[in-house]
């Protein structure tokens, strides 16, 4: 009886550790979106993960800037980037090959969806 309980405890701990593990977003992601002022944009995100720490770049048509304060925890992702027009703050949810971001910039917010780029 005690062996069964310990097996259940071990199995539950293993499943919880899998659920808590950060999703691996390393690689290139592309988002096509329209800004709040109606301008169509394309951004390419290049991510590299080391544990929960996220580094990489955000590239637009005119620039490529490093991300700052990047973090991935479970399916949550967040970072900021100093773009030519100011600092953009990104918070999102990872779901398979898609990340849904809420982007805050200069008192405005808008949603974008990035999809993993095929290699």
PDB file of N, CA and C in Angstrom:
ATOM      1  N   UNK A   1       0.825  -1.201   0.000  1.00  0.00           N
ATOM      2  CA  UNK A   1       0.000   0.000   0.000  1.00  0.00           C
ATOM      3  C   UNK A   1       0.869   1.265   0.000  1.00  0.00           C
ATOM      4  N   UNK A   2       1.899   1.272   0.848  1.00  0.00           N
ATOM      5  CA  UNK A   2       2.786   2.433   0.906  1.00  0.00           C
ATOM      6  C   UNK A   2       3.525   2.631  -0.408  1.00  0.00           C
ATOM      7  N   UNK A   3       3.873   1.527  -1.094  1.00  0.00           N
ATOM      8  CA  UNK A   3       4.556   1.634  -2.376  1.00  0.00           C
ATOM      9  C   UNK A   3       3.673   2.334  -3.404  1.00  0.00           C
ATOM     10  N   UNK A   4       2.393   1.998  -3.405  1.00  0.00           N
ATOM     11  CA  UNK A   4       1.458   2.629  -4.347  1.00  0.00           C
ATOM     12  C   UNK A   4       1.347   4.128  -4.098  1.00  0.00           C
ATOM     13  N   UNK A   5       1.268   4.484  -2.853  1.00  0.00           N
ATOM     14  CA  UNK A   5       1.163   5.911  -2.517  1.00  0.00           C
ATOM     15  C   UNK A   5       2.398   6.649  -3.004  1.00  0.00           C
ATOM     16  N   UNK A   6       3.580   6.079  -2.759  1.00  0.00           N
ATOM     17  CA  UNK A   6       4.818   6.719  -3.195  1.00  0.00           C
ATOM     18  C   UNK A   6       4.900   6.792  -4.718  1.00  0.00           C
ATOM     19  N   UNK A   7       4.404   5.761  -5.401  1.00  0.00           N
ATOM     20  CA  UNK A   7       4.371   5.803  -6.866  1.00  0.00           C
ATOM     21  C   UNK A   7       3.468   6.929  -7.352  1.00  0.00           C
ATOM     22  N   UNK A   8       2.306   7.086  -6.744  1.00  0.00           N
ATOM     23  CA  UNK A   8       1.383   8.169  -7.118  1.00  0.00           C
ATOM     24  C   UNK A   8       1.995   9.538  -6.835  1.00  0.00           C
ATOM     25  N   UNK A   9       2.664   9.657  -5.704  1.00  0.00           N
ATOM     26  CA  UNK A   9       3.319  10.928  -5.354  1.00  0.00           C
ATOM     27  C   UNK A   9       4.422  11.242  -6.364  1.00  0.00           C
ATOM     28  N   UNK A  10       5.224  10.251  -6.714  1.00  0.00           N
ATOM     29  CA  UNK A  10       6.306  10.459  -7.677  1.00  0.00           C
ATOM     30  C   UNK A  10       5.745  10.825  -9.054  1.00  0.00           C
ATOM     31  N   UNK A  11       4.683  10.128  -9.466  1.00  0.00           N
ATOM     32  CA  UNK A  11       4.070  10.429 -10.769  1.00  0.00           C
ATOM     33  C   UNK A  11       3.494  11.838 -10.775  1.00  0.00           C
ATOM     34  N   UNK A  12       2.830  12.230  -9.708  1.00  0.00           N
ATOM     35  CA  UNK A  12       2.256  13.582  -9.623  1.00  0.00           C
ATOM     36  C   UNK A  12       3.358  14.636  -9.644  1.00  0.00           C
ATOM     37  N   UNK A  13       4.444  14.410  -8.941  1.00  0.00           N
ATOM     38  CA  UNK A  13       5.556  15.366  -8.929  1.00  0.00           C
ATOM     39  C   UNK A  13       6.165  15.498 -10.321  1.00  0.00           C
ATOM     40  N   UNK A  14       6.295  14.380 -11.023  1.00  0.00           N
ATOM     41  CA  UNK A  14       6.837  14.409 -12.381  1.00  0.00           C
ATOM     42  C   UNK A  14       5.927  15.214 -13.303  1.00  0.00           C
ATOM     43  N   UNK A  15       4.636  14.974 -13.238  1.00  0.00           N
ATOM     44  CA  UNK A  15       3.690  15.701 -14.088  1.00  0.00           C
ATOM     45  C   UNK A  15       3.682  17.191 -13.768  1.00  0.00           C
ATOM     46  N   UNK A  16       3.768  17.545 -12.509  1.00  0.00           N
ATOM     47  CA  UNK A  16       3.824  18.964 -12.121  1.00  0.00           C
ATOM     48  C   UNK A  16       5.093  19.624 -12.634  1.00  0.00           C
ATOM     49  N   UNK A  17       6.214  18.908 -12.604  1.00  0.00           N
ATOM     50  CA  UNK A  17       7.466  19.493 -13.098  1.00  0.00           C
ATOM     51  C   UNK A  17       7.387  19.717 -14.605  1.00  0.00           C
ATOM     52  N   UNK A  18       6.717  18.839 -15.335  1.00  0.00           N
ATOM     53  CA  UNK A  18       6.534  19.043 -16.769  1.00  0.00           C
ATOM     54  C   UNK A  18       5.665  20.261 -17.043  1.00  0.00           C
ATOM     55  N   UNK A  19       4.611  20.424 -16.273  1.00  0.00           N
ATOM     56  CA  UNK A  19       3.704  21.558 -16.463  1.00  0.00           C
ATOM     57  C   UNK A  19       4.387  22.878 -16.143  1.00  0.00           C
ATOM     58  N   UNK A  20       5.294  22.868 -15.176  1.00  0.00           N
ATOM     59  CA  UNK A  20       5.963  24.107 -14.775  1.00  0.00           C
ATOM     60  C   UNK A  20       7.119  24.474 -15.693  1.00  0.00           C
ATOM     61  N   UNK A  21       7.590  23.533 -16.488  1.00  0.00           N
ATOM     62  CA  UNK A  21       8.721  23.808 -17.374  1.00  0.00           C
ATOM     63  C   UNK A  21       8.329  24.859 -18.413  1.00  0.00           C
ATOM     64  N   UNK A  22       9.259  25.734 -18.704  1.00  0.00           N
ATOM     65  CA  UNK A  22       9.014  26.795 -19.673  1.00  0.00           C
ATOM     66  C   UNK A  22       8.987  26.225 -21.085  1.00  0.00           C
ATOM     67  N   UNK A  23       8.055  26.721 -21.889  1.00  0.00           N
ATOM     68  CA  UNK A  23       7.986  26.332 -23.292  1.00  0.00           C
ATOM     69  C   UNK A  23       9.235  26.858 -23.998  1.00  0.00           C
ATOM     70  N   UNK A  24       9.785  26.071 -24.907  1.00  0.00           N
ATOM     71  CA  UNK A  24      10.990  26.497 -25.617  1.00  0.00           C
ATOM     72  C   UNK A  24      10.599  27.317 -26.841  1.00  0.00           C
ATOM     73  N   UNK A  25      10.880  28.605 -26.798  1.00  0.00           N
ATOM     74  CA  UNK A  25      10.540  29.506 -27.903  1.00  0.00           C
ATOM     75  C   UNK A  25      11.762  29.865 -28.737  1.00  0.00           C
ATOM     76  N   UNK A  26      12.886  29.205 -28.506  1.00  0.00           N
ATOM     77  CA  UNK A  26      14.105  29.514 -29.254  1.00  0.00           C
ATOM     78  C   UNK A  26      13.850  29.413 -30.752  1.00  0.00           C
ATOM     79  N   UNK A  27      14.385  30.383 -31.484  1.00  0.00           N
ATOM     80  CA  UNK A  27      14.231  30.389 -32.928  1.00  0.00           C
ATOM     81  C   UNK A  27      13.574  31.667 -33.417  1.00  0.00           C
ATOM     82  N   UNK A  28      13.130  31.651 -34.687  1.00  0.00           N
ATOM     83  CA  UNK A  28      12.523  32.832 -35.309  1.00  0.00           C
ATOM     84  C   UNK A  28      11.009  32.734 -35.292  1.00  0.00           C
ATOM     85  N   UNK A  29      10.377  33.891 -35.044  1.00  0.00           N
ATOM     86  CA  UNK A  29       8.928  34.036 -35.014  1.00  0.00           C
ATOM     87  C   UNK A  29       8.570  35.274 -35.833  1.00  0.00           C
ATOM     88  N   UNK A  30       7.446  35.227 -36.536  1.00  0.00           N
ATOM     89  CA  UNK A  30       7.046  36.347 -37.392  1.00  0.00           C
ATOM     90  C   UNK A  30       5.626  36.777 -37.035  1.00  0.00           C
ATOM     91  N   UNK A  31       5.446  38.100 -36.931  1.00  0.00           N
ATOM     92  CA  UNK A  31       4.121  38.664 -36.648  1.00  0.00           C
ATOM     93  C   UNK A  31       3.774  39.699 -37.710  1.00  0.00           C
ATOM     94  N   UNK A  32       2.640  39.514 -38.365  1.00  0.00           N
ATOM     95  CA  UNK A  32       2.095  40.500 -39.294  1.00  0.00           C
ATOM     96  C   UNK A  32       0.874  41.101 -38.608  1.00  0.00           C
ATOM     97  N   UNK A  33       0.849  42.443 -38.486  1.00  0.00           N
ATOM     98  CA  UNK A  33      -0.213  43.087 -37.718  1.00  0.00           C
ATOM     99  C   UNK A  33      -0.425  44.509 -38.195  1.00  0.00           C
ATOM    100  N   UNK A  34      -1.480  45.120 -37.685  1.00  0.00           N
ATOM    101  CA  UNK A  34      -1.777  46.515 -37.967  1.00  0.00           C
ATOM    102  C   UNK A  34      -1.718  47.287 -36.654  1.00  0.00           C
ATOM    103  N   UNK A  35      -0.983  48.389 -36.636  1.00  0.00           N
ATOM    104  CA  UNK A  35      -0.854  49.207 -35.437  1.00  0.00           C
ATOM    105  C   UNK A  35      -2.161  49.954 -35.173  1.00  0.00           C
ATOM    106  N   UNK A  36      -2.320  50.514 -33.979  1.00  0.00           N
ATOM    107  CA  UNK A  36      -3.551  51.250 -33.681  1.00  0.00           C
ATOM    108  C   UNK A  36      -3.838  52.408 -34.654  1.00  0.00           C
ATOM    109  N   UNK A  37      -2.804  52.975 -35.281  1.00  0.00           N
ATOM    110  CA  UNK A  37      -3.047  54.061 -36.237  1.00  0.00           C
ATOM    111  C   UNK A  37      -3.321  53.551 -37.656  1.00  0.00           C
ATOM    112  N   UNK A  38      -3.429  52.206 -37.820  1.00  0.00           N
ATOM    113  CA  UNK A  38      -3.789  51.631 -39.101  1.00  0.00           C
ATOM    114  C   UNK A  38      -2.626  51.253 -40.003  1.00  0.00           C
ATOM    115  N   UNK A  39      -1.400  51.355 -39.509  1.00  0.00           N
ATOM    116  CA  UNK A  39      -0.229  51.035 -40.315  1.00  0.00           C
ATOM    117  C   UNK A  39       0.059  49.539 -40.279  1.00  0.00           C
ATOM    118  N   UNK A  40       0.141  48.889 -41.453  1.00  0.00           N
ATOM    119  CA  UNK A  40       0.517  47.462 -41.458  1.00  0.00           C
ATOM    120  C   UNK A  40       2.005  47.301 -41.153  1.00  0.00           C
ATOM    121  N   UNK A  41       2.337  46.315 -40.342  1.00  0.00           N
ATOM    122  CA  UNK A  41       3.725  46.074 -39.937  1.00  0.00           C
ATOM    123  C   UNK A  41       4.027  44.584 -39.951  1.00  0.00           C
ATOM    124  N   UNK A  42       5.306  44.285 -40.059  1.00  0.00           N
ATOM    125  CA  UNK A  42       5.808  42.922 -39.901  1.00  0.00           C
ATOM    126  C   UNK A  42       6.996  42.999 -38.960  1.00  0.00           C
ATOM    127  N   UNK A  43       6.973  42.203 -37.910  1.00  0.00           N
ATOM    128  CA  UNK A  43       8.109  42.096 -36.999  1.00  0.00           C
ATOM    129  C   UNK A  43       8.592  40.658 -36.988  1.00  0.00           C
ATOM    130  N   UNK A  44       9.911  40.508 -36.898  1.00  0.00           N
ATOM    131  CA  UNK A  44      10.509  39.187 -36.750  1.00  0.00           C
ATOM    132  C   UNK A  44      11.216  39.150 -35.402  1.00  0.00           C
ATOM    133  N   UNK A  45      10.880  38.156 -34.613  1.00  0.00           N
ATOM    134  CA  UNK A  45      11.481  37.956 -33.301  1.00  0.00           C
ATOM    135  C   UNK A  45      12.451  36.788 -33.407  1.00  0.00           C
ATOM    136  N   UNK A  46      13.661  36.974 -32.894  1.00  0.00           N
ATOM    137  CA  UNK A  46      14.627  35.887 -32.806  1.00  0.00           C
ATOM    138  C   UNK A  46      14.901  35.681 -31.325  1.00  0.00           C
ATOM    139  N   UNK A  47      14.514  34.519 -30.804  1.00  0.00           N
ATOM    140  CA  UNK A  47      14.619  34.236 -29.381  1.00  0.00           C
ATOM    141  C   UNK A  47      15.656  33.166 -29.101  1.00  0.00           C
ATOM    142  N   UNK A  48      16.311  33.317 -27.940  1.00  0.00           N
ATOM    143  CA  UNK A  48      17.204  32.288 -27.414  1.00  0.00           C
ATOM    144  C   UNK A  48      16.897  32.149 -25.930  1.00  0.00           C
ATOM    145  N   UNK A  49      16.675  30.913 -25.495  1.00  0.00           N
ATOM    146  CA  UNK A  49      16.351  30.664 -24.088  1.00  0.00           C
ATOM    147  C   UNK A  49      17.505  29.989 -23.373  1.00  0.00           C
ATOM    148  N   UNK A  50      17.696  30.402 -22.128  1.00  0.00           N
ATOM    149  CA  UNK A  50      18.617  29.750 -21.199  1.00  0.00           C
ATOM    150  C   UNK A  50      17.862  29.637 -19.890  1.00  0.00           C
ATOM    151  N   UNK A  51      17.256  28.470 -19.649  1.00  0.00           N
ATOM    152  CA  UNK A  51      16.362  28.325 -18.504  1.00  0.00           C
ATOM    153  C   UNK A  51      15.140  29.196 -18.745  1.00  0.00           C
ATOM    154  N   UNK A  52      14.811  30.057 -17.793  1.00  0.00           N
ATOM    155  CA  UNK A  52      13.682  30.978 -17.966  1.00  0.00           C
ATOM    156  C   UNK A  52      14.118  32.317 -18.569  1.00  0.00           C
ATOM    157  N   UNK A  53      15.424  32.516 -18.719  1.00  0.00           N
ATOM    158  CA  UNK A  53      15.940  33.778 -19.269  1.00  0.00           C
ATOM    159  C   UNK A  53      15.796  33.774 -20.789  1.00  0.00           C
ATOM    160  N   UNK A  54      15.293  34.884 -21.320  1.00  0.00           N
ATOM    161  CA  UNK A  54      15.067  35.031 -22.746  1.00  0.00           C
ATOM    162  C   UNK A  54      15.897  36.187 -23.279  1.00  0.00           C
ATOM    163  N   UNK A  55      16.658  35.930 -24.331  1.00  0.00           N
ATOM    164  CA  UNK A  55      17.411  36.972 -25.023  1.00  0.00           C
ATOM    165  C   UNK A  55      17.047  36.902 -26.500  1.00  0.00           C
ATOM    166  N   UNK A  56      17.500  37.891 -27.253  1.00  0.00           N
ATOM    167  CA  UNK A  56      17.244  37.874 -28.687  1.00  0.00           C
ATOM    168  C   UNK A  56      17.022  39.269 -29.231  1.00  0.00           C
ATOM    169  N   UNK A  57      16.316  39.336 -30.372  1.00  0.00           N
ATOM    170  CA  UNK A  57      16.094  40.617 -31.046  1.00  0.00           C
ATOM    171  C   UNK A  57      14.664  40.714 -31.571  1.00  0.00           C
ATOM    172  N   UNK A  58      14.263  41.971 -31.820  1.00  0.00           N
ATOM    173  CA  UNK A  58      13.030  42.280 -32.532  1.00  0.00           C
ATOM    174  C   UNK A  58      13.445  43.071 -33.765  1.00  0.00           C
ATOM    175  N   UNK A  59      13.030  42.623 -34.930  1.00  0.00           N
ATOM    176  CA  UNK A  59      13.395  43.304 -36.171  1.00  0.00           C
ATOM    177  C   UNK A  59      12.136  43.774 -36.888  1.00  0.00           C
ATOM    178  N   UNK A  60      12.174  45.041 -37.326  1.00  0.00           N
ATOM    179  CA  UNK A  60      11.118  45.602 -38.152  1.00  0.00           C
ATOM    180  C   UNK A  60      11.692  45.933 -39.512  1.00  0.00           C
ATOM    181  N   UNK A  61      10.998  46.746 -40.281  1.00  0.00           N
ATOM    182  CA  UNK A  61      11.489  47.093 -41.613  1.00  0.00           C
ATOM    183  C   UNK A  61      12.693  48.018 -41.554  1.00  0.00           C
ATOM    184  N   UNK A  62      12.852  48.782 -40.453  1.00  0.00           N
ATOM    185  CA  UNK A  62      13.913  49.780 -40.382  1.00  0.00           C
ATOM    186  C   UNK A  62      14.956  49.511 -39.307  1.00  0.00           C
ATOM    187  N   UNK A  63      14.756  48.483 -38.486  1.00  0.00           N
ATOM    188  CA  UNK A  63      15.656  48.316 -37.348  1.00  0.00           C
ATOM    189  C   UNK A  63      15.676  46.878 -36.864  1.00  0.00           C
ATOM    190  N   UNK A  64      16.672  46.607 -36.036  1.00  0.00           N
ATOM    191  CA  UNK A  64      16.740  45.364 -35.273  1.00  0.00           C
ATOM    192  C   UNK A  64      17.306  45.735 -33.916  1.00  0.00           C
ATOM    193  N   UNK A  65      16.533  45.472 -32.860  1.00  0.00           N
ATOM    194  CA  UNK A  65      16.946  45.885 -31.526  1.00  0.00           C
ATOM    195  C   UNK A  65      16.936  44.692 -30.579  1.00  0.00           C
ATOM    196  N   UNK A  66      17.835  44.695 -29.590  1.00  0.00           N
ATOM    197  CA  UNK A  66      17.851  43.595 -28.618  1.00  0.00           C
ATOM    198  C   UNK A  66      16.663  43.676 -27.673  1.00  0.00           C
ATOM    199  N   UNK A  67      16.211  42.510 -27.233  1.00  0.00           N
ATOM    200  CA  UNK A  67      15.166  42.511 -26.220  1.00  0.00           C
ATOM    201  C   UNK A  67      15.822  42.640 -24.852  1.00  0.00           C
ATOM    202  N   UNK A  68      15.051  43.198 -23.912  1.00  0.00           N
ATOM    203  CA  UNK A  68      15.543  43.405 -22.545  1.00  0.00           C
ATOM    204  C   UNK A  68      14.589  42.733 -21.568  1.00  0.00           C
ATOM    205  N   UNK A  69      15.116  42.329 -20.442  1.00  0.00           N
ATOM    206  CA  UNK A  69      14.319  41.778 -19.349  1.00  0.00           C
ATOM    207  C   UNK A  69      13.428  40.628 -19.812  1.00  0.00           C
ATOM    208  N   UNK A  70      13.961  39.782 -20.701  1.00  0.00           N
ATOM    209  CA  UNK A  70      13.174  38.679 -21.242  1.00  0.00           C
ATOM    210  C   UNK A  70      13.031  37.527 -20.275  1.00  0.00           C
ATOM    211  N   UNK A  71      11.812  36.979 -20.206  1.00  0.00           N
ATOM    212  CA  UNK A  71      11.535  35.874 -19.296  1.00  0.00           C
ATOM    213  C   UNK A  71      10.440  34.990 -19.886  1.00  0.00           C
ATOM    214  N   UNK A  72      10.615  33.680 -19.733  1.00  0.00           N
ATOM    215  CA  UNK A  72       9.580  32.713 -20.077  1.00  0.00           C
ATOM    216  C   UNK A  72       9.349  31.861 -18.847  1.00  0.00           C
ATOM    217  N   UNK A  73       8.095  31.778 -18.422  1.00  0.00           N
ATOM    218  CA  UNK A  73       7.730  30.970 -17.267  1.00  0.00           C
ATOM    219  C   UNK A  73       6.474  30.189 -17.637  1.00  0.00           C
ATOM    220  N   UNK A  74       6.621  28.879 -17.788  1.00  0.00           N
ATOM    221  CA  UNK A  74       5.490  28.080 -18.255  1.00  0.00           C
ATOM    222  C   UNK A  74       5.133  28.513 -19.658  1.00  0.00           C
ATOM    223  N   UNK A  75       3.880  28.966 -19.847  1.00  0.00           N
ATOM    224  CA  UNK A  75       3.474  29.446 -21.171  1.00  0.00           C
ATOM    225  C   UNK A  75       3.388  30.977 -21.229  1.00  0.00           C
ATOM    226  N   UNK A  76       3.940  31.647 -20.222  1.00  0.00           N
ATOM    227  CA  UNK A  76       3.970  33.112 -20.200  1.00  0.00           C
ATOM    228  C   UNK A  76       5.319  33.611 -20.706  1.00  0.00           C
ATOM    229  N   UNK A  77       5.287  34.667 -21.511  1.00  0.00           N
ATOM    230  CA  UNK A  77       6.505  35.267 -22.049  1.00  0.00           C
ATOM    231  C   UNK A  77       6.401  36.779 -21.886  1.00  0.00           C
ATOM    232  N   UNK A  78       7.503  37.426 -21.538  1.00  0.00           N
ATOM    233  CA  UNK A  78       7.504  38.889 -21.419  1.00  0.00           C
ATOM    234  C   UNK A  78       8.908  39.421 -21.709  1.00  0.00           C
ATOM    235  N   UNK A  79       8.934  40.618 -22.286  1.00  0.00           N
ATOM    236  CA  UNK A  79      10.192  41.314 -22.555  1.00  0.00           C
ATOM    237  C   UNK A  79       9.863  42.724 -23.014  1.00  0.00           C
ATOM    238  N   UNK A  80      10.894  43.551 -23.126  1.00  0.00           N
ATOM    239  CA  UNK A  80      10.728  44.897 -23.677  1.00  0.00           C
ATOM    240  C   UNK A  80      11.804  45.106 -24.743  1.00  0.00           C
ATOM    241  N   UNK A  81      11.582  46.107 -25.595  1.00  0.00           N
ATOM    242  CA  UNK A  81      12.555  46.437 -26.636  1.00  0.00           C
ATOM    243  C   UNK A  81      12.494  47.930 -26.897  1.00  0.00           C
ATOM    244  N   UNK A  82      13.657  48.563 -26.937  1.00  0.00           N
ATOM    245  CA  UNK A  82      13.747  49.991 -27.265  1.00  0.00           C
ATOM    246  C   UNK A  82      13.793  50.130 -28.777  1.00  0.00           C
ATOM    247  N   UNK A  83      12.633  50.428 -29.355  1.00  0.00           N
ATOM    248  CA  UNK A  83      12.508  50.549 -30.800  1.00  0.00           C
ATOM    249  C   UNK A  83      12.721  52.011 -31.193  1.00  0.00           C
ATOM    250  N   UNK A  84      12.796  52.346 -32.491  1.00  0.00           N
ATOM    251  CA  UNK A  84      13.052  53.731 -32.898  1.00  0.00           C
ATOM    252  C   UNK A  84      12.038  54.747 -32.361  1.00  0.00           C
ATOM    253  N   UNK A  85      10.805  54.303 -32.099  1.00  0.00           N
ATOM    254  CA  UNK A  85       9.767  55.229 -31.634  1.00  0.00           C
ATOM    255  C   UNK A  85       9.590  55.210 -30.131  1.00  0.00           C
ATOM    256  N   UNK A  86      10.345  54.383 -29.412  1.00  0.00           N
ATOM    257  CA  UNK A  86      10.226  54.301 -27.965  1.00  0.00           C
ATOM    258  C   UNK A  86      10.289  52.857 -27.486  1.00  0.00           C
ATOM    259  N   UNK A  87      10.007  52.667 -26.205  1.00  0.00           N
ATOM    260  CA  UNK A  87      10.073  51.339 -25.604  1.00  0.00           C
ATOM    261  C   UNK A  87       8.741  50.617 -25.755  1.00  0.00           C
ATOM    262  N   UNK A  88       8.801  49.406 -26.276  1.00  0.00           N
ATOM    263  CA  UNK A  88       7.636  48.541 -26.418  1.00  0.00           C
ATOM    264  C   UNK A  88       7.739  47.442 -25.363  1.00  0.00           C
ATOM    265  N   UNK A  89       6.641  47.177 -24.671  1.00  0.00           N
ATOM    266  CA  UNK A  89       6.586  46.114 -23.667  1.00  0.00           C
ATOM    267  C   UNK A  89       5.674  45.007 -24.186  1.00  0.00           C
ATOM    268  N   UNK A  90       6.193  43.792 -24.213  1.00  0.00           N
ATOM    269  CA  UNK A  90       5.479  42.644 -24.757  1.00  0.00           C
ATOM    270  C   UNK A  90       5.172  41.658 -23.630  1.00  0.00           C
ATOM    271  N   UNK A  91       3.914  41.231 -23.543  1.00  0.00           N
ATOM    272  CA  UNK A  91       3.512  40.160 -22.622  1.00  0.00           C
ATOM    273  C   UNK A  91       2.626  39.222 -23.422  1.00  0.00           C
ATOM    274  N   UNK A  92       2.901  37.922 -23.311  1.00  0.00           N
ATOM    275  CA  UNK A  92       2.132  37.013 -24.127  1.00  0.00           C
ATOM    276  C   UNK A  92       1.970  35.634 -23.540  1.00  0.00           C
ATOM    277  N   UNK A  93       1.176  34.835 -24.281  1.00  0.00           N
ATOM    278  CA  UNK A  93       0.920  33.435 -23.948  1.00  0.00           C
ATOM    279  C   UNK A  93       1.378  32.588 -25.123  1.00  0.00           C
ATOM    280  N   UNK A  94       2.116  31.551 -24.810  1.00  0.00           N
ATOM    281  CA  UNK A  94       2.629  30.634 -25.815  1.00  0.00           C
ATOM    282  C   UNK A  94       1.657  29.469 -25.936  1.00  0.00           C
ATOM    283  N   UNK A  95       1.318  29.132 -27.170  1.00  0.00           N
ATOM    284  CA  UNK A  95       0.460  27.983 -27.427  1.00  0.00           C
ATOM    285  C   UNK A  95       0.966  27.288 -28.683  1.00  0.00           C
ATOM    286  N   UNK A  96       1.764  26.252 -28.493  1.00  0.00           N
ATOM    287  CA  UNK A  96       2.328  25.525 -29.630  1.00  0.00           C
ATOM    288  C   UNK A  96       3.242  26.420 -30.450  1.00  0.00           C
ATOM    289  N   UNK A  97       2.903  26.611 -31.719  1.00  0.00           N
ATOM    290  CA  UNK A  97       3.713  27.424 -32.625  1.00  0.00           C
ATOM    291  C   UNK A  97       3.154  28.830 -32.787  1.00  0.00           C
ATOM    292  N   UNK A  98       2.488  29.331 -31.747  1.00  0.00           N
ATOM    293  CA  UNK A  98       1.885  30.655 -31.793  1.00  0.00           C
ATOM    294  C   UNK A  98       2.070  31.354 -30.449  1.00  0.00           C
ATOM    295  N   UNK A  99       2.342  32.647 -30.510  1.00  0.00           N
ATOM    296  CA  UNK A  99       2.404  33.467 -29.295  1.00  0.00           C
ATOM    297  C   UNK A  99       1.462  34.643 -29.493  1.00  0.00           C
ATOM    298  N   UNK A 100       0.527  34.803 -28.571  1.00  0.00           N
ATOM    299  CA  UNK A 100      -0.393  35.949 -28.608  1.00  0.00           C
ATOM    300  C   UNK A 100       0.123  36.996 -27.627  1.00  0.00           C
ATOM    301  N   UNK A 101       0.558  38.126 -28.177  1.00  0.00           N
ATOM    302  CA  UNK A 101       1.133  39.200 -27.375  1.00  0.00           C
ATOM    303  C   UNK A 101       0.144  40.336 -27.179  1.00  0.00           C
ATOM    304  N   UNK A 102       0.210  40.961 -26.005  1.00  0.00           N
ATOM    305  CA  UNK A 102      -0.355  42.278 -25.781  1.00  0.00           C
ATOM    306  C   UNK A 102       0.854  43.198 -25.719  1.00  0.00           C
ATOM    307  N   UNK A 103       0.860  44.192 -26.585  1.00  0.00           N
ATOM    308  CA  UNK A 103       1.994  45.105 -26.689  1.00  0.00           C
ATOM    309  C   UNK A 103       1.573  46.462 -26.141  1.00  0.00           C
ATOM    310  N   UNK A 104       2.339  46.989 -25.201  1.00  0.00           N
ATOM    311  CA  UNK A 104       2.091  48.321 -24.643  1.00  0.00           C
ATOM    312  C   UNK A 104       3.170  49.263 -25.139  1.00  0.00           C
ATOM    313  N   UNK A 105       2.723  50.416 -25.654  1.00  0.00           N
ATOM    314  CA  UNK A 105       3.645  51.422 -26.179  1.00  0.00           C
ATOM    315  C   UNK A 105       3.021  52.796 -26.040  1.00  0.00           C
ATOM    316  N   UNK A 106       3.719  53.660 -25.330  1.00  0.00           N
ATOM    317  CA  UNK A 106       3.339  55.061 -25.267  1.00  0.00           C
ATOM    318  C   UNK A 106       1.868  55.262 -24.857  1.00  0.00           C
ATOM    319  N   UNK A 107       1.430  54.504 -23.853  1.00  0.00           N
ATOM    320  CA  UNK A 107       0.063  54.645 -23.350  1.00  0.00           C
ATOM    321  C   UNK A 107      -0.992  53.927 -24.177  1.00  0.00           C
ATOM    322  N   UNK A 108      -0.595  53.266 -25.249  1.00  0.00           N
ATOM    323  CA  UNK A 108      -1.531  52.498 -26.066  1.00  0.00           C
ATOM    324  C   UNK A 108      -1.194  51.021 -25.948  1.00  0.00           C
ATOM    325  N   UNK A 109      -2.182  50.180 -26.191  1.00  0.00           N
ATOM    326  CA  UNK A 109      -1.897  48.751 -26.256  1.00  0.00           C
ATOM    327  C   UNK A 109      -2.624  48.157 -27.455  1.00  0.00           C
ATOM    328  N   UNK A 110      -2.025  47.122 -28.001  1.00  0.00           N
ATOM    329  CA  UNK A 110      -2.633  46.413 -29.117  1.00  0.00           C
ATOM    330  C   UNK A 110      -2.165  44.964 -29.067  1.00  0.00           C
ATOM    331  N   UNK A 111      -2.895  44.106 -29.754  1.00  0.00           N
ATOM    332  CA  UNK A 111      -2.597  42.678 -29.763  1.00  0.00           C
ATOM    333  C   UNK A 111      -1.939  42.286 -31.077  1.00  0.00           C
ATOM    334  N   UNK A 112      -0.959  41.391 -30.976  1.00  0.00           N
ATOM    335  CA  UNK A 112      -0.362  40.805 -32.171  1.00  0.00           C
ATOM    336  C   UNK A 112      -0.191  39.304 -31.926  1.00  0.00           C
ATOM    337  N   UNK A 113      -0.109  38.571 -33.009  1.00  0.00           N
ATOM    338  CA  UNK A 113       0.127  37.128 -32.917  1.00  0.00           C
ATOM    339  C   UNK A 113       1.374  36.811 -33.732  1.00  0.00           C
ATOM    340  N   UNK A 114       2.330  36.161 -33.081  1.00  0.00           N
ATOM    341  CA  UNK A 114       3.564  35.739 -33.756  1.00  0.00           C
ATOM    342  C   UNK A 114       3.468  34.227 -33.980  1.00  0.00           C
ATOM    343  N   UNK A 115       3.933  33.819 -35.156  1.00  0.00           N
ATOM    344  CA  UNK A 115       3.942  32.391 -35.491  1.00  0.00           C
ATOM    345  C   UNK A 115       5.377  31.954 -35.742  1.00  0.00           C
ATOM    346  N   UNK A 116       5.664  30.732 -35.289  1.00  0.00           N
ATOM    347  CA  UNK A 116       7.013  30.201 -35.479  1.00  0.00           C
ATOM    348  C   UNK A 116       7.308  30.148 -36.970  1.00  0.00           C
ATOM    349  N   UNK A 117       8.462  30.694 -37.357  1.00  0.00           N
ATOM    350  CA  UNK A 117       8.856  30.708 -38.767  1.00  0.00           C
ATOM    351  C   UNK A 117       9.371  29.326 -39.138  1.00  0.00           C
ATOM    352  N   UNK A 118       8.966  28.859 -40.303  1.00  0.00           N
ATOM    353  CA  UNK A 118       9.467  27.562 -40.763  1.00  0.00           C
ATOM    354  C   UNK A 118      10.911  27.723 -41.212  1.00  0.00           C
ATOM    355  N   UNK A 119      11.693  26.700 -40.978  1.00  0.00           N
ATOM    356  CA  UNK A 119      13.119  26.788 -41.324  1.00  0.00           C
ATOM    357  C   UNK A 119      13.413  26.237 -42.680  1.00  0.00           C
TER     358      UNK A 119
END
